[in-house]
N, C-alpha and C. Protein backbone atom coordinates (compact mmCIF):
# COMPACT_ATOMS: atom_id res chain seq x y z
N MET A 1 -30.86 -36.32 62.27
CA MET A 1 -31.95 -37.17 62.00
C MET A 1 -32.18 -37.03 60.41
N GLU A 2 -32.48 -38.42 60.16
CA GLU A 2 -33.06 -38.14 58.29
C GLU A 2 -34.14 -39.47 58.30
N THR A 3 -35.00 -38.63 57.30
CA THR A 3 -36.09 -39.87 57.20
C THR A 3 -36.00 -40.27 55.80
N VAL A 4 -36.13 -41.78 55.48
CA VAL A 4 -35.92 -42.18 53.96
C VAL A 4 -36.95 -43.26 53.86
N GLY A 5 -37.54 -43.20 52.44
CA GLY A 5 -38.69 -44.13 52.10
C GLY A 5 -37.68 -45.73 52.11
N ILE A 6 -38.92 -46.41 51.96
CA ILE A 6 -38.42 -47.98 51.90
C ILE A 6 -37.52 -48.15 50.55
N ARG A 7 -37.98 -47.33 49.55
CA ARG A 7 -37.32 -47.70 48.35
C ARG A 7 -36.03 -47.28 47.90
N GLU A 8 -35.98 -45.80 48.61
CA GLU A 8 -34.50 -44.97 48.63
C GLU A 8 -33.54 -45.91 49.51
N LEU A 9 -34.12 -46.26 50.59
CA LEU A 9 -33.49 -47.04 51.52
C LEU A 9 -32.83 -48.43 50.69
N LYS A 10 -33.49 -49.01 50.02
CA LYS A 10 -33.16 -50.31 49.38
C LYS A 10 -32.23 -49.82 48.29
N ASN A 11 -32.38 -48.75 47.52
CA ASN A 11 -31.41 -48.15 46.46
C ASN A 11 -29.80 -48.05 47.05
N ARG A 12 -30.08 -47.07 48.19
CA ARG A 12 -28.81 -46.67 48.88
C ARG A 12 -28.56 -47.06 50.22
N LEU A 13 -28.53 -48.46 50.54
CA LEU A 13 -28.45 -49.19 51.59
C LEU A 13 -27.30 -48.75 52.23
N SER A 14 -26.03 -49.13 51.85
CA SER A 14 -24.71 -48.60 52.37
C SER A 14 -24.59 -47.43 52.67
N HIS A 15 -25.15 -46.20 51.90
CA HIS A 15 -24.87 -44.89 52.32
C HIS A 15 -25.61 -44.40 53.55
N TYR A 16 -26.94 -45.32 53.87
CA TYR A 16 -27.60 -45.05 54.93
C TYR A 16 -27.12 -45.93 56.23
N VAL A 17 -26.60 -47.06 56.05
CA VAL A 17 -26.06 -47.85 56.86
C VAL A 17 -24.74 -46.87 57.35
N ARG A 18 -23.90 -46.71 56.80
CA ARG A 18 -23.00 -45.75 57.10
C ARG A 18 -23.16 -44.35 57.84
N LYS A 19 -24.21 -43.69 57.56
CA LYS A 19 -24.61 -42.69 58.26
C LYS A 19 -25.10 -43.40 59.59
N ALA A 20 -25.26 -44.21 60.01
CA ALA A 20 -26.04 -44.64 61.18
C ALA A 20 -25.04 -45.12 62.09
N GLU A 21 -24.15 -45.52 61.36
CA GLU A 21 -22.74 -45.91 62.04
C GLU A 21 -21.96 -44.77 62.65
N SER A 22 -21.91 -43.88 61.77
CA SER A 22 -21.30 -42.45 61.89
C SER A 22 -22.20 -41.72 63.06
N GLY A 23 -22.86 -41.89 63.60
CA GLY A 23 -23.97 -41.43 64.83
C GLY A 23 -25.26 -40.95 64.50
N ASP A 24 -25.76 -40.84 63.13
CA ASP A 24 -26.95 -40.43 62.79
C ASP A 24 -28.13 -41.63 63.03
N VAL A 25 -29.26 -40.82 63.21
CA VAL A 25 -30.39 -41.67 63.20
C VAL A 25 -30.99 -41.68 61.73
N VAL A 26 -31.31 -42.68 61.23
CA VAL A 26 -32.12 -42.62 59.88
C VAL A 26 -33.36 -43.56 60.21
N LEU A 27 -34.63 -42.74 60.39
CA LEU A 27 -36.03 -43.45 60.25
C LEU A 27 -36.67 -43.66 58.74
N VAL A 28 -36.89 -44.99 58.91
CA VAL A 28 -37.42 -45.60 57.62
C VAL A 28 -39.03 -45.28 57.56
N THR A 29 -39.11 -45.04 56.32
CA THR A 29 -41.11 -44.94 56.50
C THR A 29 -41.38 -45.63 55.12
N ASP A 30 -42.82 -46.18 55.37
CA ASP A 30 -43.42 -46.61 54.20
C ASP A 30 -44.56 -45.81 54.10
N ARG A 31 -45.18 -45.30 53.16
CA ARG A 31 -46.00 -44.46 52.90
C ARG A 31 -46.09 -43.31 53.92
N GLY A 32 -44.80 -42.76 54.34
CA GLY A 32 -44.96 -41.30 55.24
C GLY A 32 -45.30 -41.87 56.74
N ARG A 33 -45.22 -43.17 57.03
CA ARG A 33 -45.46 -43.85 58.15
C ARG A 33 -44.07 -44.43 58.77
N VAL A 34 -43.41 -44.03 60.02
CA VAL A 34 -41.95 -44.55 60.25
C VAL A 34 -42.42 -46.24 60.70
N VAL A 35 -41.50 -46.76 59.87
CA VAL A 35 -41.58 -48.53 60.59
C VAL A 35 -40.35 -48.78 61.14
N ALA A 36 -39.44 -48.36 61.05
CA ALA A 36 -38.30 -48.86 61.21
C ALA A 36 -37.13 -47.75 61.39
N GLU A 37 -36.03 -47.72 62.57
CA GLU A 37 -34.84 -46.91 62.75
C GLU A 37 -33.63 -47.41 62.43
N LEU A 38 -32.65 -46.86 62.08
CA LEU A 38 -31.54 -47.31 61.98
C LEU A 38 -30.47 -46.51 62.86
N VAL A 39 -30.11 -46.87 63.78
CA VAL A 39 -29.42 -46.43 64.70
C VAL A 39 -27.83 -46.78 64.61
N PRO A 40 -27.16 -46.10 65.44
CA PRO A 40 -25.66 -46.61 65.80
C PRO A 40 -25.79 -47.77 66.64
N HIS A 41 -25.04 -48.77 66.58
CA HIS A 41 -24.78 -49.92 67.42
C HIS A 41 -24.97 -49.48 68.76
N GLY A 42 -25.69 -50.11 69.80
CA GLY A 42 -25.46 -49.77 71.18
C GLY A 42 -26.18 -48.74 71.70
N GLN A 43 -26.72 -47.83 70.72
CA GLN A 43 -27.45 -46.56 71.17
C GLN A 43 -28.88 -46.84 70.71
N ARG A 44 -29.51 -46.25 71.59
CA ARG A 44 -31.05 -46.39 71.85
C ARG A 44 -31.37 -45.03 71.22
N ALA A 45 -32.82 -45.03 70.27
CA ALA A 45 -32.98 -44.00 69.36
C ALA A 45 -33.50 -42.84 70.31
N GLU A 46 -33.63 -43.04 71.51
CA GLU A 46 -34.35 -42.00 72.41
C GLU A 46 -33.00 -40.85 72.83
N VAL A 47 -31.90 -41.64 72.85
CA VAL A 47 -30.64 -40.67 72.69
C VAL A 47 -30.38 -39.69 71.75
N ALA A 48 -30.98 -39.86 70.74
CA ALA A 48 -30.60 -39.38 69.65
C ALA A 48 -31.30 -37.96 69.34
N GLY A 49 -31.87 -37.18 70.64
CA GLY A 49 -32.53 -36.01 70.62
C GLY A 49 -33.72 -35.95 70.64
N LEU A 50 -34.69 -36.86 70.62
CA LEU A 50 -36.09 -36.86 70.35
C LEU A 50 -36.77 -37.57 71.63
N PRO A 51 -37.52 -37.11 72.30
CA PRO A 51 -38.54 -37.49 73.41
C PRO A 51 -39.11 -39.17 72.94
N PRO A 52 -38.91 -39.89 73.58
CA PRO A 52 -39.73 -41.35 73.29
C PRO A 52 -40.92 -41.16 72.96
N TRP A 53 -41.73 -40.10 73.50
CA TRP A 53 -43.12 -40.09 73.31
C TRP A 53 -43.49 -39.74 71.60
N MET A 54 -42.40 -38.75 71.14
CA MET A 54 -42.54 -38.55 69.97
C MET A 54 -42.19 -39.73 68.61
N LEU A 55 -41.26 -40.35 69.35
CA LEU A 55 -40.84 -40.95 68.19
C LEU A 55 -42.18 -42.48 68.23
N GLU A 56 -42.81 -42.51 69.38
CA GLU A 56 -43.84 -43.66 69.38
C GLU A 56 -44.94 -43.35 68.81
N ARG A 57 -45.63 -41.96 68.97
CA ARG A 57 -46.72 -41.72 67.94
C ARG A 57 -46.15 -41.34 66.40
N ALA A 58 -44.88 -41.09 66.07
CA ALA A 58 -44.57 -41.32 64.82
C ALA A 58 -44.49 -42.70 64.10
N ARG A 59 -44.31 -43.68 65.10
CA ARG A 59 -44.20 -45.15 64.67
C ARG A 59 -45.84 -45.22 64.45
N ARG A 60 -46.66 -44.52 65.18
CA ARG A 60 -48.20 -45.21 64.69
C ARG A 60 -48.89 -44.50 63.71
N GLY A 61 -47.93 -43.40 62.83
CA GLY A 61 -48.08 -42.60 62.16
C GLY A 61 -49.28 -41.54 62.50
N GLU A 62 -48.86 -40.93 63.89
CA GLU A 62 -50.02 -40.00 64.51
C GLU A 62 -49.03 -38.45 64.29
N LEU A 63 -48.10 -38.42 63.85
CA LEU A 63 -47.23 -37.30 63.40
C LEU A 63 -46.09 -37.34 62.75
N ARG A 64 -45.55 -36.55 62.25
CA ARG A 64 -44.37 -36.56 61.24
C ARG A 64 -43.12 -35.94 61.68
N LEU A 65 -42.01 -36.44 61.91
CA LEU A 65 -41.10 -35.92 62.52
C LEU A 65 -40.46 -35.04 61.64
N PRO A 66 -39.72 -33.94 62.40
CA PRO A 66 -39.14 -33.06 61.57
C PRO A 66 -37.98 -33.31 60.60
N THR A 67 -38.16 -32.66 59.40
CA THR A 67 -36.66 -32.89 58.36
C THR A 67 -35.55 -32.14 58.35
N ARG A 68 -35.92 -31.26 59.20
CA ARG A 68 -34.52 -29.95 59.23
C ARG A 68 -34.09 -29.97 60.59
N PRO A 69 -32.99 -29.71 61.20
CA PRO A 69 -32.66 -29.54 62.36
C PRO A 69 -33.17 -28.53 63.15
N HIS A 70 -33.60 -28.62 64.51
CA HIS A 70 -34.29 -27.78 65.42
C HIS A 70 -33.51 -26.79 65.49
N ASP A 71 -34.20 -24.97 65.31
CA ASP A 71 -33.32 -24.08 65.41
C ASP A 71 -33.77 -22.79 66.24
N PRO A 72 -33.43 -23.06 67.78
CA PRO A 72 -33.98 -22.57 68.82
C PRO A 72 -33.84 -20.91 68.73
N GLU A 73 -33.15 -20.49 68.09
CA GLU A 73 -33.12 -19.16 67.86
C GLU A 73 -34.22 -18.58 67.01
N LEU A 74 -34.71 -19.60 66.15
CA LEU A 74 -36.19 -19.17 65.44
C LEU A 74 -37.04 -18.78 66.49
N TYR A 75 -37.54 -19.51 67.44
CA TYR A 75 -38.41 -18.88 68.43
C TYR A 75 -38.18 -17.94 69.33
N LEU A 76 -36.66 -17.58 69.73
CA LEU A 76 -36.46 -16.73 70.49
C LEU A 76 -36.34 -15.30 69.72
N ARG A 77 -36.55 -15.28 68.52
CA ARG A 77 -36.43 -14.03 67.60
C ARG A 77 -38.11 -13.23 67.92
N PRO A 78 -38.02 -11.87 68.24
CA PRO A 78 -39.09 -11.24 68.68
C PRO A 78 -39.62 -11.11 67.26
N ARG A 79 -41.10 -11.10 67.46
CA ARG A 79 -41.98 -11.39 66.65
C ARG A 79 -42.10 -9.60 66.08
N PRO A 80 -42.42 -9.02 64.29
CA PRO A 80 -42.41 -7.84 64.37
C PRO A 80 -44.18 -7.54 64.74
N ARG A 81 -44.46 -6.40 64.90
CA ARG A 81 -45.70 -6.07 65.52
C ARG A 81 -46.44 -5.66 64.12
N VAL A 82 -47.56 -5.94 63.85
CA VAL A 82 -48.22 -5.49 62.73
C VAL A 82 -49.41 -4.43 63.00
N ASP A 83 -49.38 -3.40 62.10
CA ASP A 83 -50.34 -2.23 62.34
C ASP A 83 -51.44 -2.54 61.43
N LEU A 84 -52.60 -2.66 61.91
CA LEU A 84 -53.86 -2.78 61.34
C LEU A 84 -54.64 -1.76 60.93
N GLY A 85 -53.98 -0.57 61.59
CA GLY A 85 -54.65 0.68 61.68
C GLY A 85 -55.90 0.98 62.23
N GLY A 86 -55.99 0.43 63.43
CA GLY A 86 -57.03 0.31 64.16
C GLY A 86 -58.19 -0.48 63.85
N GLU A 87 -57.74 -1.06 62.96
CA GLU A 87 -58.96 -2.31 63.25
C GLU A 87 -58.81 -3.79 63.69
N THR A 88 -59.37 -4.60 63.65
CA THR A 88 -59.36 -5.63 63.76
C THR A 88 -59.23 -7.05 63.04
N VAL A 89 -58.56 -8.05 63.29
CA VAL A 89 -58.25 -9.03 62.06
C VAL A 89 -59.84 -9.64 61.64
N GLN A 90 -60.59 -9.60 62.79
CA GLN A 90 -62.03 -9.82 62.41
C GLN A 90 -62.85 -8.61 61.35
N ASP A 91 -62.45 -7.59 61.55
CA ASP A 91 -63.00 -6.38 60.69
C ASP A 91 -62.43 -6.53 59.25
N MET A 92 -61.08 -7.09 59.10
CA MET A 92 -60.71 -7.07 57.74
C MET A 92 -61.28 -8.44 57.30
N ILE A 93 -61.48 -9.69 57.66
CA ILE A 93 -62.16 -10.51 57.38
C ILE A 93 -63.25 -10.12 56.52
N ASP A 94 -64.43 -9.71 57.73
CA ASP A 94 -65.60 -9.19 57.19
C ASP A 94 -65.46 -8.52 56.00
N TRP A 95 -64.79 -7.42 55.94
CA TRP A 95 -64.63 -6.92 54.65
C TRP A 95 -64.10 -7.76 53.62
N LEU A 96 -62.99 -8.47 53.48
CA LEU A 96 -63.03 -9.31 52.59
C LEU A 96 -64.15 -10.15 51.85
N ARG A 97 -64.69 -10.63 53.01
CA ARG A 97 -65.61 -11.43 52.77
C ARG A 97 -67.15 -10.62 52.15
N GLU A 98 -66.83 -9.64 52.47
CA GLU A 98 -68.05 -8.50 51.99
C GLU A 98 -69.39 -8.47 52.98
N ASP A 99 -68.90 -8.61 54.34
CA ASP A 99 -70.05 -8.90 55.08
C ASP A 99 -70.24 -7.31 55.92
N ARG A 100 -69.65 -6.42 55.05
CA ARG A 100 -69.91 -5.01 55.83
C ARG A 100 -71.21 -4.40 55.73
N LEU A 101 -71.50 -3.66 56.62
CA LEU A 101 -72.80 -2.95 56.53
C LEU A 101 -73.24 -1.90 55.35
């Protein structure tokens, strides 16, 4: 899925039509808000991998759609533990703000 502004779409229309023809979904934006979708003929945008509610909220400008493909491995990797030396994050914030006693 790709997002493109109206000006860029106008300047390279053939390129984006070929992308849609090959199976990609191209979302057209106007000032950051999705206003149109180029999808392959006979395919609805929901089939492109995004839930309908997400597309609807993007149309209303309530959220921005991802510009990179989703990487499920990113969320499955174990997060490294951070050793705070026995202090809490709040202790560190207080120290940085000089709120210590």
